[in-house]
N, C-alpha and C. Protein backbone atom coordinates (compact mmCIF):
# COMPACT_ATOMS: atom_id res chain seq x y z
N UNK A 1 25.17 12.67 24.03
CA UNK A 1 23.88 11.77 24.72
C UNK A 1 24.63 11.44 25.96
N UNK A 2 23.43 10.87 26.72
CA UNK A 2 23.54 10.66 28.66
C UNK A 2 24.29 9.47 28.44
N UNK A 3 25.22 8.84 29.04
CA UNK A 3 25.29 7.36 29.16
C UNK A 3 24.01 6.95 29.98
N UNK A 4 23.63 5.53 29.61
CA UNK A 4 22.70 5.01 30.17
C UNK A 4 22.53 4.61 32.05
N UNK A 5 23.96 4.78 32.09
CA UNK A 5 24.31 4.50 33.99
C UNK A 5 23.29 5.49 34.37
N UNK A 6 23.70 6.73 34.08
CA UNK A 6 23.35 7.84 34.41
C UNK A 6 21.87 7.82 34.60
N UNK A 7 20.91 7.18 34.08
CA UNK A 7 19.83 6.78 33.27
C UNK A 7 18.99 7.06 35.30
N UNK A 8 18.95 6.26 36.17
CA UNK A 8 18.60 6.27 37.53
C UNK A 8 18.31 7.81 38.24
N UNK A 9 20.08 8.31 37.89
CA UNK A 9 19.73 9.55 38.37
C UNK A 9 18.92 10.57 37.58
N UNK A 10 19.24 10.68 36.19
CA UNK A 10 18.81 11.40 35.43
C UNK A 10 16.73 11.36 35.35
N UNK A 11 16.63 10.02 35.64
CA UNK A 11 14.80 10.00 36.32
C UNK A 11 14.62 10.42 37.61
N UNK A 12 15.63 10.35 38.39
CA UNK A 12 14.75 11.04 39.47
C UNK A 12 15.06 12.67 39.68
N UNK A 13 16.09 13.48 38.54
CA UNK A 13 15.83 14.72 38.35
C UNK A 13 15.00 15.21 37.62
N UNK A 14 14.41 14.04 36.66
CA UNK A 14 13.14 14.77 35.80
C UNK A 14 12.22 14.30 36.71
N UNK A 15 11.80 13.30 36.84
CA UNK A 15 10.01 13.19 38.37
C UNK A 15 10.37 13.91 39.07
N UNK A 16 11.23 14.81 40.00
CA UNK A 16 11.02 15.61 41.10
C UNK A 16 11.69 16.70 40.60
N UNK A 17 12.13 17.28 39.87
CA UNK A 17 11.61 18.36 38.93
C UNK A 17 10.65 18.49 38.92
N UNK A 18 9.49 17.83 37.78
CA UNK A 18 8.46 18.05 37.38
C UNK A 18 7.23 17.97 38.49
N UNK A 19 7.23 17.60 39.18
CA UNK A 19 6.86 17.42 40.61
C UNK A 19 6.65 18.17 41.91
N UNK A 20 7.93 19.00 41.94
CA UNK A 20 8.11 20.15 43.13
C UNK A 20 8.08 21.10 42.15
N UNK A 21 8.05 21.30 40.89
CA UNK A 21 7.25 22.51 40.40
C UNK A 21 6.00 22.52 40.26
N UNK A 22 5.38 21.36 39.93
CA UNK A 22 3.87 21.47 39.84
C UNK A 22 3.28 22.01 41.34
N UNK A 23 3.62 21.08 42.29
CA UNK A 23 3.41 21.34 44.00
C UNK A 23 3.48 22.22 44.20
N UNK A 24 5.11 22.85 44.26
CA UNK A 24 5.08 24.26 45.26
C UNK A 24 4.22 25.38 43.85
N UNK A 25 4.31 25.29 42.53
CA UNK A 25 3.58 26.39 41.66
C UNK A 25 1.57 26.48 42.66
N UNK A 26 1.35 25.12 42.66
CA UNK A 26 -0.17 24.67 43.48
C UNK A 26 -0.47 25.93 44.64
N UNK A 27 0.98 25.00 45.45
CA UNK A 27 0.76 25.42 47.05
C UNK A 27 1.05 27.93 46.84
N UNK A 28 1.89 27.70 45.78
CA UNK A 28 2.07 29.88 45.60
C UNK A 28 1.04 30.23 45.52
N UNK A 29 0.39 29.58 44.73
CA UNK A 29 -0.71 30.04 43.91
C UNK A 29 -2.03 30.48 45.24
N UNK A 30 -2.38 29.08 46.11
CA UNK A 30 -3.09 29.14 46.80
C UNK A 30 -2.85 30.20 48.04
N UNK A 31 -1.39 30.59 48.25
CA UNK A 31 -1.13 31.61 49.36
C UNK A 31 -1.26 32.89 48.72
N UNK A 32 -0.56 33.42 47.38
CA UNK A 32 -0.70 34.23 47.68
C UNK A 32 -1.31 34.84 45.88
N UNK A 33 -2.08 34.01 45.29
CA UNK A 33 -2.84 34.16 44.26
C UNK A 33 -1.55 34.83 43.44
N UNK A 34 -2.72 35.40 41.87
CA UNK A 34 -2.30 35.76 40.82
C UNK A 34 -1.49 37.51 41.57
N UNK A 35 -0.61 37.29 41.86
CA UNK A 35 -0.24 38.69 41.72
C UNK A 35 1.25 39.26 41.05
N UNK A 36 1.83 40.26 41.10
CA UNK A 36 3.31 40.21 40.33
C UNK A 36 4.67 39.30 40.98
N UNK A 37 4.38 39.20 42.49
CA UNK A 37 5.46 38.68 42.77
C UNK A 37 5.20 37.19 42.63
N UNK A 38 3.81 36.77 42.08
CA UNK A 38 3.76 35.46 41.73
C UNK A 38 4.75 34.33 41.46
N UNK A 39 5.65 34.83 40.46
CA UNK A 39 7.03 34.02 39.42
C UNK A 39 7.90 33.98 40.05
N UNK A 40 8.19 34.82 40.43
CA UNK A 40 9.40 35.18 41.93
C UNK A 40 9.37 34.02 42.95
N UNK A 41 8.16 34.36 44.04
CA UNK A 41 7.95 33.26 44.95
C UNK A 41 7.93 31.58 44.58
N UNK A 42 7.20 31.48 43.32
CA UNK A 42 7.12 30.33 43.16
C UNK A 42 8.43 29.85 42.59
N UNK A 43 9.41 30.30 41.64
CA UNK A 43 10.47 30.15 41.13
C UNK A 43 11.39 29.51 42.62
N UNK A 44 11.39 30.39 43.34
CA UNK A 44 12.20 30.05 44.79
C UNK A 44 11.89 29.16 45.72
N UNK A 45 10.15 28.82 45.74
CA UNK A 45 9.64 28.03 46.39
C UNK A 45 10.19 26.59 45.77
N UNK A 46 10.16 26.76 44.44
CA UNK A 46 10.63 25.29 43.30
C UNK A 46 11.94 25.30 43.67
N UNK A 47 12.76 25.63 44.23
CA UNK A 47 14.23 25.55 44.18
C UNK A 47 14.54 25.15 45.39
N UNK A 48 13.93 25.74 46.39
CA UNK A 48 13.73 24.77 47.69
C UNK A 48 13.52 23.41 47.85
N UNK A 49 12.34 23.16 47.25
CA UNK A 49 11.38 21.88 47.13
C UNK A 49 12.24 21.30 46.39
N UNK A 50 13.22 21.85 44.97
CA UNK A 50 14.04 20.90 44.45
C UNK A 50 15.10 20.28 44.83
N UNK A 51 15.46 20.95 45.78
CA UNK A 51 16.56 20.82 46.30
C UNK A 51 16.70 19.06 47.76
N UNK A 52 15.25 19.25 47.72
CA UNK A 52 14.82 18.10 48.91
C UNK A 52 14.44 17.05 48.01
N UNK A 53 12.89 17.25 47.08
CA UNK A 53 13.12 16.29 45.89
C UNK A 53 14.24 15.48 45.19
N UNK A 54 14.88 16.12 44.77
CA UNK A 54 15.84 15.15 43.84
C UNK A 54 16.69 13.96 44.78
N UNK A 55 16.89 14.32 45.72
CA UNK A 55 17.81 13.06 46.93
C UNK A 55 16.82 12.43 47.23
N UNK A 56 15.54 12.64 47.45
CA UNK A 56 14.55 12.04 48.05
C UNK A 56 14.42 10.73 47.24
N UNK A 57 13.56 11.46 45.56
CA UNK A 57 13.08 10.61 44.56
C UNK A 57 14.45 9.75 44.78
N UNK A 58 15.89 10.55 44.70
CA UNK A 58 16.77 8.78 44.47
C UNK A 58 16.97 8.03 45.29
N UNK A 59 16.84 8.51 46.38
CA UNK A 59 17.03 7.08 47.84
C UNK A 59 15.58 6.53 47.27
N UNK A 60 14.48 6.95 47.34
CA UNK A 60 13.48 6.41 47.65
C UNK A 60 12.55 5.47 45.98
N UNK A 61 13.34 6.15 44.88
CA UNK A 61 12.53 5.35 43.92
C UNK A 61 13.55 4.08 43.52
N UNK A 62 14.46 3.63 44.30
CA UNK A 62 14.76 1.80 43.58
C UNK A 62 14.30 1.32 44.43
N UNK A 63 13.74 1.71 45.96
CA UNK A 63 13.14 0.88 47.05
C UNK A 63 11.45 1.06 46.87
N UNK A 64 11.09 1.69 46.11
CA UNK A 64 9.76 1.65 45.55
C UNK A 64 9.77 0.71 44.23
N UNK A 65 10.40 0.68 43.16
CA UNK A 65 11.01 0.08 42.55
C UNK A 65 10.35 -1.56 43.03
N UNK A 66 11.56 -2.07 43.86
CA UNK A 66 11.12 -3.07 44.46
C UNK A 66 10.73 -3.93 45.19
N UNK A 67 9.53 -2.70 45.55
CA UNK A 67 8.36 -2.85 46.78
C UNK A 67 7.27 -3.16 45.56
N UNK A 68 7.12 -2.81 44.83
CA UNK A 68 6.07 -2.68 43.68
C UNK A 68 6.34 -4.01 42.69
N UNK A 69 7.58 -4.59 42.54
CA UNK A 69 7.78 -5.76 42.12
C UNK A 69 7.69 -6.51 43.27
N UNK A 70 7.88 -7.12 43.87
CA UNK A 70 7.15 -7.27 45.37
C UNK A 70 5.68 -7.56 45.15
N UNK A 71 4.81 -6.90 44.97
CA UNK A 71 3.48 -6.65 45.10
C UNK A 71 2.63 -7.18 44.07
N UNK A 72 3.30 -7.17 43.26
CA UNK A 72 2.91 -7.12 41.53
C UNK A 72 3.64 -8.77 41.48
N UNK A 73 4.57 -9.79 41.98
CA UNK A 73 4.82 -10.43 41.74
C UNK A 73 5.70 -10.98 40.80
N UNK A 74 6.34 -9.59 39.95
CA UNK A 74 7.59 -9.22 38.94
C UNK A 74 9.19 -9.50 39.71
N UNK A 75 8.94 -10.03 40.81
CA UNK A 75 10.43 -10.49 41.03
C UNK A 75 11.03 -11.83 40.70
């Protein structure tokens, strides 16, 4: 079991991994179509995208939560 103190980091890893996987897949498909090199190109693009998305989400998510709380009166 992962300790609860790592929850924000785990959230960032899962969210950024899923979103970057989907977006890079769509982008790669649009550029290459379904061809033999698709899977390799997609995974390469995803690795690069996740390397950028993970720290971005880790920094932006807490700011976004505070903004949403302020906009909805949850503060």
